[in-house]
Amino acid sequence: MKFFRAAAIQMNSQPNFEHNLEQAYALIKKAAGEGALFVGLPENFTFLGDLNVRLEQSEKIAERTPEFLEQAAKEFEIYLLGGSFSAPAENGKVYNRSLLIDPDGRTVARYNKIHLFDVELPEGESYRESDYVESGRNQPVVSRTQEIGNIGLSICYDLRFPELYRSLTERMAEILCVPSAFTATTGKDHWEPLLRARAIENTSYVFAPAQTGTHGKKRKTHGHSLIIDPWGDMLADAGTGIGMAIAEIDLNRIKEVRKRIPSLDHRRIY
């Protein structure tokens, strides 16, 4: 299929696993009801806001989340991107893992976040993702499907590393997925420009489900789930509320834009 509807879901996940699954299910159902064949959830959609509790529950989260995604994909006959969730790794850490599930409930791609968010922001806001997350293998992940094209996987902070997206494009990715929980501090300045840049420089669609609002007591995210076309035009923006960005995807648009701006063919440095 070259033409289909996609929905980038926007959630306000909390430190409550069951509540988050209920919220995700309701939004998936709504997206499918509006005709979306490809539906994506944001980063940490199963749990966000209390790191210690999330780590304690990582085994339960890792066991039940794939089951939830598989059942929802089968029920609504959609491709479902499980934005990311915690899965146990070695040394007491977890992977920040994303799954792509097909309409038969099969996992067709798995990606563990490569680039970890270790930053010091103004006013004492700091993050040390590497303290508790194990980095994934430095290997781009692309899933080739008949119905929705070739899907390239990434997660949040990966967005700041354009070489990853060029590698995904070299592997024939047509839709670059960036499920995120982008901070409110950085999101207001960097979220949209970075997403548009990844779309423009790779002449590919960018599909970015996001978290929004306050999670637990302190964590605040930017929202604005976006779907961007290969020219860099924003097709849909979810704003700052719980909901979704939904748009029509036309994979022929990629060929049109690459014919007009054949920058991928003009590369001189590899």
C-alpha atoms as a PDB file:
ATOM      1  CA  MET A   1       0.000   0.000   0.000  1.00  0.00           C
ATOM      2  CA  LYS A   2       1.307   3.441  -0.908  1.00  0.00           C
ATOM      3  CA  PHE A   3      -1.386   5.562   0.738  1.00  0.00           C
ATOM      4  CA  PHE A   4      -2.641   5.145   4.305  1.00  0.00           C
ATOM      5  CA  ARG A   5      -3.492   7.018   7.490  1.00  0.00           C
ATOM      6  CA  ALA A   6      -1.074   7.212  10.430  1.00  0.00           C
ATOM      7  CA  ALA A   7      -1.642   8.385  14.012  1.00  0.00           C
ATOM      8  CA  ALA A   8       1.098   9.549  16.393  1.00  0.00           C
ATOM      9  CA  ILE A   9      -0.447   9.212  19.844  1.00  0.00           C
ATOM     10  CA  GLN A  10       0.241  11.759  22.568  1.00  0.00           C
ATOM     11  CA  MET A  11       0.044  10.574  26.165  1.00  0.00           C
ATOM     12  CA  ASN A  12       0.450  11.859  29.689  1.00  0.00           C
ATOM     13  CA  SER A  13       1.876   8.704  31.251  1.00  0.00           C
ATOM     14  CA  GLN A  14       2.160   8.503  35.031  1.00  0.00           C
ATOM     15  CA  PRO A  15       3.835   6.225  37.618  1.00  0.00           C
ATOM     16  CA  ASN A  16       0.849   3.868  37.267  1.00  0.00           C
ATOM     17  CA  PHE A  17       1.275   0.982  34.842  1.00  0.00           C
ATOM     18  CA  GLU A  18      -2.388  -0.063  34.663  1.00  0.00           C
ATOM     19  CA  HIS A  19      -3.608   3.507  34.201  1.00  0.00           C
ATOM     20  CA  ASN A  20      -1.148   4.029  31.362  1.00  0.00           C
ATOM     21  CA  LEU A  21      -2.254   0.868  29.555  1.00  0.00           C
ATOM     22  CA  GLU A  22      -5.872   2.012  29.826  1.00  0.00           C
ATOM     23  CA  GLN A  23      -4.985   5.417  28.396  1.00  0.00           C
ATOM     24  CA  ALA A  24      -2.954   3.849  25.583  1.00  0.00           C
ATOM     25  CA  TYR A  25      -5.722   1.398  24.697  1.00  0.00           C
ATOM     26  CA  ALA A  26      -8.371   4.129  24.510  1.00  0.00           C
ATOM     27  CA  LEU A  27      -6.195   6.228  22.210  1.00  0.00           C
ATOM     28  CA  ILE A  28      -5.266   3.269  20.007  1.00  0.00           C
ATOM     29  CA  LYS A  29      -8.953   2.429  19.674  1.00  0.00           C
ATOM     30  CA  LYS A  30      -9.762   6.033  18.747  1.00  0.00           C
ATOM     31  CA  ALA A  31      -6.972   6.155  16.157  1.00  0.00           C
ATOM     32  CA  ALA A  32      -8.072   2.886  14.580  1.00  0.00           C
ATOM     33  CA  GLY A  33     -11.652   4.149  14.550  1.00  0.00           C
ATOM     34  CA  GLU A  34     -10.472   7.148  12.535  1.00  0.00           C
ATOM     35  CA  GLY A  35      -8.932   4.852   9.952  1.00  0.00           C
ATOM     36  CA  ALA A  36      -5.286   4.749  11.025  1.00  0.00           C
ATOM     37  CA  LEU A  37      -3.400   1.703   9.754  1.00  0.00           C
ATOM     38  CA  PHE A  38      -0.169   2.746  11.484  1.00  0.00           C
ATOM     39  CA  VAL A  39      -0.408   3.873  15.121  1.00  0.00           C
ATOM     40  CA  GLY A  40       2.505   4.891  17.328  1.00  0.00           C
ATOM     41  CA  LEU A  41       2.852   5.347  21.099  1.00  0.00           C
ATOM     42  CA  PRO A  42       5.436   7.635  22.781  1.00  0.00           C
ATOM     43  CA  GLU A  43       8.591   6.840  24.725  1.00  0.00           C
ATOM     44  CA  ASN A  44       8.010   5.293  28.178  1.00  0.00           C
ATOM     45  CA  PHE A  45       4.306   5.027  27.457  1.00  0.00           C
ATOM     46  CA  THR A  46       3.877   2.324  30.123  1.00  0.00           C
ATOM     47  CA  PHE A  47       5.474   4.232  33.017  1.00  0.00           C
ATOM     48  CA  LEU A  48       6.858   7.728  33.535  1.00  0.00           C
ATOM     49  CA  GLY A  49       7.516   9.898  36.567  1.00  0.00           C
ATOM     50  CA  ASP A  50       9.055   7.729  39.315  1.00  0.00           C
ATOM     51  CA  LEU A  51      12.321   6.136  38.247  1.00  0.00           C
ATOM     52  CA  ASN A  52      12.815   3.892  41.283  1.00  0.00           C
ATOM     53  CA  VAL A  53       9.375   2.338  40.969  1.00  0.00           C
ATOM     54  CA  ARG A  54       9.798   1.912  37.209  1.00  0.00           C
ATOM     55  CA  LEU A  55      13.020  -0.024  37.762  1.00  0.00           C
ATOM     56  CA  GLU A  56      11.380  -2.157  40.439  1.00  0.00           C
ATOM     57  CA  GLN A  57       8.557  -3.011  38.056  1.00  0.00           C
ATOM     58  CA  SER A  58      10.713  -3.471  34.953  1.00  0.00           C
ATOM     59  CA  GLU A  59      10.223  -7.245  34.803  1.00  0.00           C
ATOM     60  CA  LYS A  60       6.443  -6.923  34.952  1.00  0.00           C
ATOM     61  CA  ILE A  61       6.529  -4.082  32.426  1.00  0.00           C
ATOM     62  CA  ALA A  62       8.731  -6.089  30.065  1.00  0.00           C
ATOM     63  CA  GLU A  63       6.467  -9.138  30.318  1.00  0.00           C
ATOM     64  CA  ARG A  64       3.086  -7.484  29.954  1.00  0.00           C
ATOM     65  CA  THR A  65       3.837  -4.677  27.507  1.00  0.00           C
ATOM     66  CA  PRO A  66       4.539  -6.893  24.461  1.00  0.00           C
ATOM     67  CA  GLU A  67       1.380  -8.865  25.244  1.00  0.00           C
ATOM     68  CA  PHE A  68      -0.629  -5.637  25.364  1.00  0.00           C
ATOM     69  CA  LEU A  69       0.832  -4.424  22.060  1.00  0.00           C
ATOM     70  CA  GLU A  70       0.287  -7.748  20.309  1.00  0.00           C
ATOM     71  CA  GLN A  71      -3.333  -7.980  21.433  1.00  0.00           C
ATOM     72  CA  ALA A  72      -4.129  -4.384  20.470  1.00  0.00           C
ATOM     73  CA  ALA A  73      -2.513  -4.734  17.041  1.00  0.00           C
ATOM     74  CA  LYS A  74      -4.523  -7.896  16.353  1.00  0.00           C
ATOM     75  CA  GLU A  75      -7.773  -6.494  17.713  1.00  0.00           C
ATOM     76  CA  PHE A  76      -7.666  -3.366  15.570  1.00  0.00           C
ATOM     77  CA  GLU A  77      -5.745  -4.908  12.638  1.00  0.00           C
ATOM     78  CA  ILE A  78      -3.070  -2.219  12.642  1.00  0.00           C
ATOM     79  CA  TYR A  79       0.671  -1.800  12.666  1.00  0.00           C
ATOM     80  CA  LEU A  80       1.473  -0.638  16.187  1.00  0.00           C
ATOM     81  CA  LEU A  81       4.675   1.055  17.314  1.00  0.00           C
ATOM     82  CA  GLY A  82       5.234   0.453  21.017  1.00  0.00           C
ATOM     83  CA  GLY A  83       7.096   3.724  21.521  1.00  0.00           C
ATOM     84  CA  SER A  84       9.325   2.456  24.304  1.00  0.00           C
ATOM     85  CA  PHE A  85       9.237   0.636  27.626  1.00  0.00           C
ATOM     86  CA  SER A  86      11.737  -0.708  30.146  1.00  0.00           C
ATOM     87  CA  ALA A  87      13.101  -4.232  29.637  1.00  0.00           C
ATOM     88  CA  PRO A  88      15.653  -5.794  32.010  1.00  0.00           C
ATOM     89  CA  ALA A  89      19.297  -5.802  30.889  1.00  0.00           C
ATOM     90  CA  GLU A  90      22.470  -6.881  32.665  1.00  0.00           C
ATOM     91  CA  ASN A  91      24.073  -5.257  35.726  1.00  0.00           C
ATOM     92  CA  GLY A  92      20.731  -4.183  37.153  1.00  0.00           C
ATOM     93  CA  LYS A  93      20.006  -1.841  34.252  1.00  0.00           C
ATOM     94  CA  VAL A  94      17.212  -1.841  31.673  1.00  0.00           C
ATOM     95  CA  TYR A  95      16.952  -1.339  27.950  1.00  0.00           C
ATOM     96  CA  ASN A  96      14.774   1.468  26.615  1.00  0.00           C
ATOM     97  CA  ARG A  97      13.027  -0.713  24.041  1.00  0.00           C
ATOM     98  CA  SER A  98      10.736  -0.069  21.084  1.00  0.00           C
ATOM     99  CA  LEU A  99       8.719  -2.736  19.256  1.00  0.00           C
ATOM    100  CA  LEU A 100       6.894  -2.699  15.930  1.00  0.00           C
ATOM    101  CA  ILE A 101       3.957  -5.124  15.821  1.00  0.00           C
ATOM    102  CA  ASP A 102       2.088  -6.127  12.655  1.00  0.00           C
ATOM    103  CA  PRO A 103      -1.703  -6.661  12.325  1.00  0.00           C
ATOM    104  CA  ASP A 104      -1.279 -10.374  13.061  1.00  0.00           C
ATOM    105  CA  GLY A 105       0.291  -9.537  16.420  1.00  0.00           C
ATOM    106  CA  ARG A 106       3.806 -10.481  15.367  1.00  0.00           C
ATOM    107  CA  THR A 107       6.856  -8.483  16.414  1.00  0.00           C
ATOM    108  CA  VAL A 108       8.507  -7.427  13.154  1.00  0.00           C
ATOM    109  CA  ALA A 109      11.178  -5.128  14.633  1.00  0.00           C
ATOM    110  CA  ARG A 110      12.847  -4.510  17.983  1.00  0.00           C
ATOM    111  CA  TYR A 111      15.114  -1.592  18.818  1.00  0.00           C
ATOM    112  CA  ASN A 112      16.976  -0.692  22.009  1.00  0.00           C
ATOM    113  CA  LYS A 113      17.780   3.017  22.340  1.00  0.00           C
ATOM    114  CA  ILE A 114      21.399   3.731  21.403  1.00  0.00           C
ATOM    115  CA  HIS A 115      22.025   7.327  22.531  1.00  0.00           C
ATOM    116  CA  LEU A 116      21.384   7.929  26.231  1.00  0.00           C
ATOM    117  CA  PHE A 117      20.249  11.251  27.677  1.00  0.00           C
ATOM    118  CA  ASP A 118      22.992  12.456  30.044  1.00  0.00           C
ATOM    119  CA  VAL A 119      22.655  16.239  30.269  1.00  0.00           C
ATOM    120  CA  GLU A 120      22.794  19.178  32.680  1.00  0.00           C
ATOM    121  CA  LEU A 121      20.116  21.750  31.907  1.00  0.00           C
ATOM    122  CA  PRO A 122      19.554  25.205  33.452  1.00  0.00           C
ATOM    123  CA  GLU A 123      18.214  25.652  36.992  1.00  0.00           C
ATOM    124  CA  GLY A 124      19.507  22.318  38.217  1.00  0.00           C
ATOM    125  CA  GLU A 125      17.496  20.144  35.826  1.00  0.00           C
ATOM    126  CA  SER A 126      19.632  17.101  35.052  1.00  0.00           C
ATOM    127  CA  TYR A 127      19.245  13.631  33.573  1.00  0.00           C
ATOM    128  CA  ARG A 128      21.564  10.607  33.713  1.00  0.00           C
ATOM    129  CA  GLU A 129      19.869   7.956  31.619  1.00  0.00           C
ATOM    130  CA  SER A 130      23.077   5.919  31.408  1.00  0.00           C
ATOM    131  CA  ASP A 131      22.936   5.357  35.185  1.00  0.00           C
ATOM    132  CA  TYR A 132      20.048   2.943  34.712  1.00  0.00           C
ATOM    133  CA  VAL A 133      19.720   2.249  30.958  1.00  0.00           C
ATOM    134  CA  GLU A 134      21.967  -0.023  28.920  1.00  0.00           C
ATOM    135  CA  SER A 135      22.705   1.324  25.453  1.00  0.00           C
ATOM    136  CA  GLY A 136      21.553  -0.796  22.524  1.00  0.00           C
ATOM    137  CA  ARG A 137      23.785  -2.136  19.777  1.00  0.00           C
ATOM    138  CA  ASN A 138      25.086   0.455  17.310  1.00  0.00           C
ATOM    139  CA  GLN A 139      23.026  -1.066  14.534  1.00  0.00           C
ATOM    140  CA  PRO A 140      20.203   0.758  12.724  1.00  0.00           C
ATOM    141  CA  VAL A 141      16.867  -1.093  12.651  1.00  0.00           C
ATOM    142  CA  VAL A 142      14.556  -0.934   9.620  1.00  0.00           C
ATOM    143  CA  SER A 143      11.454  -3.061   9.118  1.00  0.00           C
ATOM    144  CA  ARG A 144      10.247  -3.549   5.555  1.00  0.00           C
ATOM    145  CA  THR A 145       6.497  -3.992   5.236  1.00  0.00           C
ATOM    146  CA  GLN A 146       4.201  -4.301   2.248  1.00  0.00           C
ATOM    147  CA  GLU A 147       1.396  -2.211   3.726  1.00  0.00           C
ATOM    148  CA  ILE A 148       3.110   0.811   5.280  1.00  0.00           C
ATOM    149  CA  GLY A 149       6.540   0.848   3.661  1.00  0.00           C
ATOM    150  CA  ASN A 150       9.921   0.690   5.362  1.00  0.00           C
ATOM    151  CA  ILE A 151       9.949   1.811   8.995  1.00  0.00           C
ATOM    152  CA  GLY A 152      13.131   3.105  10.655  1.00  0.00           C
ATOM    153  CA  LEU A 153      13.265   3.002  14.451  1.00  0.00           C
ATOM    154  CA  SER A 154      14.798   5.442  16.933  1.00  0.00           C
ATOM    155  CA  ILE A 155      13.907   6.890  20.340  1.00  0.00           C
ATOM    156  CA  CYS A 156      13.944  10.494  21.627  1.00  0.00           C
ATOM    157  CA  TYR A 157      17.565  11.618  22.256  1.00  0.00           C
ATOM    158  CA  ASP A 158      18.611   9.711  19.119  1.00  0.00           C
ATOM    159  CA  LEU A 159      17.063  12.656  17.289  1.00  0.00           C
ATOM    160  CA  ARG A 160      20.198  14.745  17.903  1.00  0.00           C
ATOM    161  CA  PHE A 161      22.422  12.340  15.969  1.00  0.00           C
ATOM    162  CA  PRO A 162      21.756  12.790  12.224  1.00  0.00           C
ATOM    163  CA  GLU A 163      24.146  10.003  11.262  1.00  0.00           C
ATOM    164  CA  LEU A 164      21.675   7.470  12.658  1.00  0.00           C
ATOM    165  CA  TYR A 165      18.897   8.717  10.384  1.00  0.00           C
ATOM    166  CA  ARG A 166      21.169   8.764   7.355  1.00  0.00           C
ATOM    167  CA  SER A 167      22.028   5.137   8.140  1.00  0.00           C
ATOM    168  CA  LEU A 168      18.329   4.311   8.372  1.00  0.00           C
ATOM    169  CA  THR A 169      17.710   6.022   5.038  1.00  0.00           C
ATOM    170  CA  GLU A 170      20.590   4.115   3.442  1.00  0.00           C
ATOM    171  CA  ARG A 171      18.776   0.965   4.573  1.00  0.00           C
ATOM    172  CA  MET A 172      15.718   2.136   2.626  1.00  0.00           C
ATOM    173  CA  ALA A 173      13.704   3.589   5.521  1.00  0.00           C
ATOM    174  CA  GLU A 174      10.779   5.709   4.309  1.00  0.00           C
ATOM    175  CA  ILE A 175       9.241   6.648   7.665  1.00  0.00           C
ATOM    176  CA  LEU A 176      11.611   7.673  10.466  1.00  0.00           C
ATOM    177  CA  CYS A 177      10.017   7.041  13.867  1.00  0.00           C
ATOM    178  CA  VAL A 178      10.977   9.148  16.889  1.00  0.00           C
ATOM    179  CA  PRO A 179       8.780   8.232  19.876  1.00  0.00           C
ATOM    180  CA  SER A 180       9.790  10.649  22.623  1.00  0.00           C
ATOM    181  CA  ALA A 181       9.406  12.125  26.080  1.00  0.00           C
ATOM    182  CA  PHE A 182      11.181  15.354  25.139  1.00  0.00           C
ATOM    183  CA  THR A 183      11.733  17.704  28.063  1.00  0.00           C
ATOM    184  CA  ALA A 184       9.697  20.892  28.217  1.00  0.00           C
ATOM    185  CA  THR A 185      12.955  22.859  28.607  1.00  0.00           C
ATOM    186  CA  THR A 186      14.580  21.653  25.390  1.00  0.00           C
ATOM    187  CA  GLY A 187      11.417  20.914  23.459  1.00  0.00           C
ATOM    188  CA  LYS A 188      10.311  24.505  23.084  1.00  0.00           C
ATOM    189  CA  ASP A 189      13.493  25.347  21.170  1.00  0.00           C
ATOM    190  CA  HIS A 190      14.698  22.128  19.577  1.00  0.00           C
ATOM    191  CA  TRP A 191      11.883  19.596  19.033  1.00  0.00           C
ATOM    192  CA  GLU A 192      10.302  20.907  15.846  1.00  0.00           C
ATOM    193  CA  PRO A 193      13.522  22.157  14.158  1.00  0.00           C
ATOM    194  CA  LEU A 194      15.301  18.846  14.706  1.00  0.00           C
ATOM    195  CA  LEU A 195      12.375  16.770  13.444  1.00  0.00           C
ATOM    196  CA  ARG A 196      11.969  18.927  10.359  1.00  0.00           C
ATOM    197  CA  ALA A 197      15.704  18.747   9.686  1.00  0.00           C
ATOM    198  CA  ARG A 198      15.653  14.924   9.834  1.00  0.00           C
ATOM    199  CA  ALA A 199      12.754  14.893   7.356  1.00  0.00           C
ATOM    200  CA  ILE A 200      14.311  17.396   4.965  1.00  0.00           C
ATOM    201  CA  GLU A 201      17.861  16.062   4.905  1.00  0.00           C
ATOM    202  CA  ASN A 202      16.667  12.476   4.378  1.00  0.00           C
ATOM    203  CA  THR A 203      13.645  13.351   2.196  1.00  0.00           C
ATOM    204  CA  SER A 204      11.615  10.961   4.341  1.00  0.00           C
ATOM    205  CA  TYR A 205       8.530  11.090   6.515  1.00  0.00           C
ATOM    206  CA  VAL A 206       9.108  11.687  10.232  1.00  0.00           C
ATOM    207  CA  PHE A 207       6.620  10.192  12.673  1.00  0.00           C
ATOM    208  CA  ALA A 208       7.001  11.437  16.259  1.00  0.00           C
ATOM    209  CA  PRO A 209       4.594  10.347  19.030  1.00  0.00           C
ATOM    210  CA  ALA A 210       5.298  12.250  22.248  1.00  0.00           C
ATOM    211  CA  GLN A 211       4.604  12.587  25.944  1.00  0.00           C
ATOM    212  CA  THR A 212       3.013  15.780  27.249  1.00  0.00           C
ATOM    213  CA  GLY A 213       2.479  17.566  30.559  1.00  0.00           C
ATOM    214  CA  THR A 214       3.657  16.677  34.064  1.00  0.00           C
ATOM    215  CA  HIS A 215       4.510  13.112  35.028  1.00  0.00           C
ATOM    216  CA  GLY A 216       4.659  12.299  38.699  1.00  0.00           C
ATOM    217  CA  LYS A 217       5.873  15.215  40.792  1.00  0.00           C
ATOM    218  CA  LYS A 218       8.601  16.805  38.661  1.00  0.00           C
ATOM    219  CA  ARG A 219       9.019  15.437  35.143  1.00  0.00           C
ATOM    220  CA  LYS A 220       7.631  17.771  32.454  1.00  0.00           C
ATOM    221  CA  THR A 221       7.472  17.043  28.736  1.00  0.00           C
ATOM    222  CA  HIS A 222       6.871  19.189  25.687  1.00  0.00           C
ATOM    223  CA  GLY A 223       4.069  17.440  23.805  1.00  0.00           C
ATOM    224  CA  HIS A 224       3.489  18.342  20.123  1.00  0.00           C
ATOM    225  CA  SER A 225       3.441  14.909  18.553  1.00  0.00           C
ATOM    226  CA  LEU A 226       4.213  15.605  14.902  1.00  0.00           C
ATOM    227  CA  ILE A 227       3.947  13.998  11.486  1.00  0.00           C
ATOM    228  CA  ILE A 228       6.204  15.672   8.920  1.00  0.00           C
ATOM    229  CA  ASP A 229       6.442  14.998   5.202  1.00  0.00           C
ATOM    230  CA  PRO A 230       9.652  14.638   3.121  1.00  0.00           C
ATOM    231  CA  TRP A 231       9.565  18.321   2.126  1.00  0.00           C
ATOM    232  CA  GLY A 232       9.560  19.313   5.809  1.00  0.00           C
ATOM    233  CA  ASP A 233       5.903  20.325   5.918  1.00  0.00           C
ATOM    234  CA  MET A 234       4.071  19.557   9.157  1.00  0.00           C
ATOM    235  CA  LEU A 235       1.055  17.418   8.331  1.00  0.00           C
ATOM    236  CA  ALA A 236      -0.260  17.155  11.895  1.00  0.00           C
ATOM    237  CA  ASP A 237       0.522  18.556  15.355  1.00  0.00           C
ATOM    238  CA  ALA A 238      -1.171  17.204  18.497  1.00  0.00           C
ATOM    239  CA  GLY A 239      -0.556  20.396  20.487  1.00  0.00           C
ATOM    240  CA  THR A 240      -0.139  19.982  24.256  1.00  0.00           C
ATOM    241  CA  GLY A 241      -3.163  17.891  25.214  1.00  0.00           C
ATOM    242  CA  ILE A 242      -3.684  14.143  25.358  1.00  0.00           C
ATOM    243  CA  GLY A 243      -4.691  12.961  21.914  1.00  0.00           C
ATOM    244  CA  MET A 244      -2.949  12.348  18.615  1.00  0.00           C
ATOM    245  CA  ALA A 245      -1.522  13.785  15.437  1.00  0.00           C
ATOM    246  CA  ILE A 246      -3.188  12.025  12.500  1.00  0.00           C
ATOM    247  CA  ALA A 247      -2.402  12.421   8.810  1.00  0.00           C
ATOM    248  CA  GLU A 248      -2.438  10.739   5.424  1.00  0.00           C
ATOM    249  CA  ILE A 249       0.868   9.196   4.353  1.00  0.00           C
ATOM    250  CA  ASP A 250       1.587   8.942   0.622  1.00  0.00           C
ATOM    251  CA  LEU A 251       4.806   7.018   0.043  1.00  0.00           C
ATOM    252  CA  ASN A 252       4.894   8.245  -3.570  1.00  0.00           C
ATOM    253  CA  ARG A 253       5.540  11.687  -2.086  1.00  0.00           C
ATOM    254  CA  ILE A 254       9.048  10.512  -1.182  1.00  0.00           C
ATOM    255  CA  LYS A 255       9.867   9.799  -4.829  1.00  0.00           C
ATOM    256  CA  GLU A 256       8.435  13.152  -5.869  1.00  0.00           C
ATOM    257  CA  VAL A 257      10.544  15.106  -3.381  1.00  0.00           C
ATOM    258  CA  ARG A 258      13.713  13.130  -4.123  1.00  0.00           C
ATOM    259  CA  LYS A 259      13.244  13.840  -7.809  1.00  0.00           C
ATOM    260  CA  ARG A 260      12.926  17.579  -7.108  1.00  0.00           C
ATOM    261  CA  ILE A 261      15.810  17.678  -4.594  1.00  0.00           C
ATOM    262  CA  PRO A 262      18.112  14.695  -5.322  1.00  0.00           C
ATOM    263  CA  SER A 263      20.492  15.517  -2.477  1.00  0.00           C
ATOM    264  CA  LEU A 264      20.904  11.866  -1.474  1.00  0.00           C
ATOM    265  CA  ASP A 265      22.376  11.186  -4.924  1.00  0.00           C
ATOM    266  CA  HIS A 266      24.766  14.155  -4.643  1.00  0.00           C
ATOM    267  CA  ARG A 267      26.592  13.008  -1.531  1.00  0.00           C
ATOM    268  CA  ARG A 268      30.392  13.105  -1.615  1.00  0.00           C
ATOM    269  CA  ILE A 269      31.279  12.162   1.962  1.00  0.00           C
ATOM    270  CA  TYR A 270      30.296   8.739   3.304  1.00  0.00           C
END
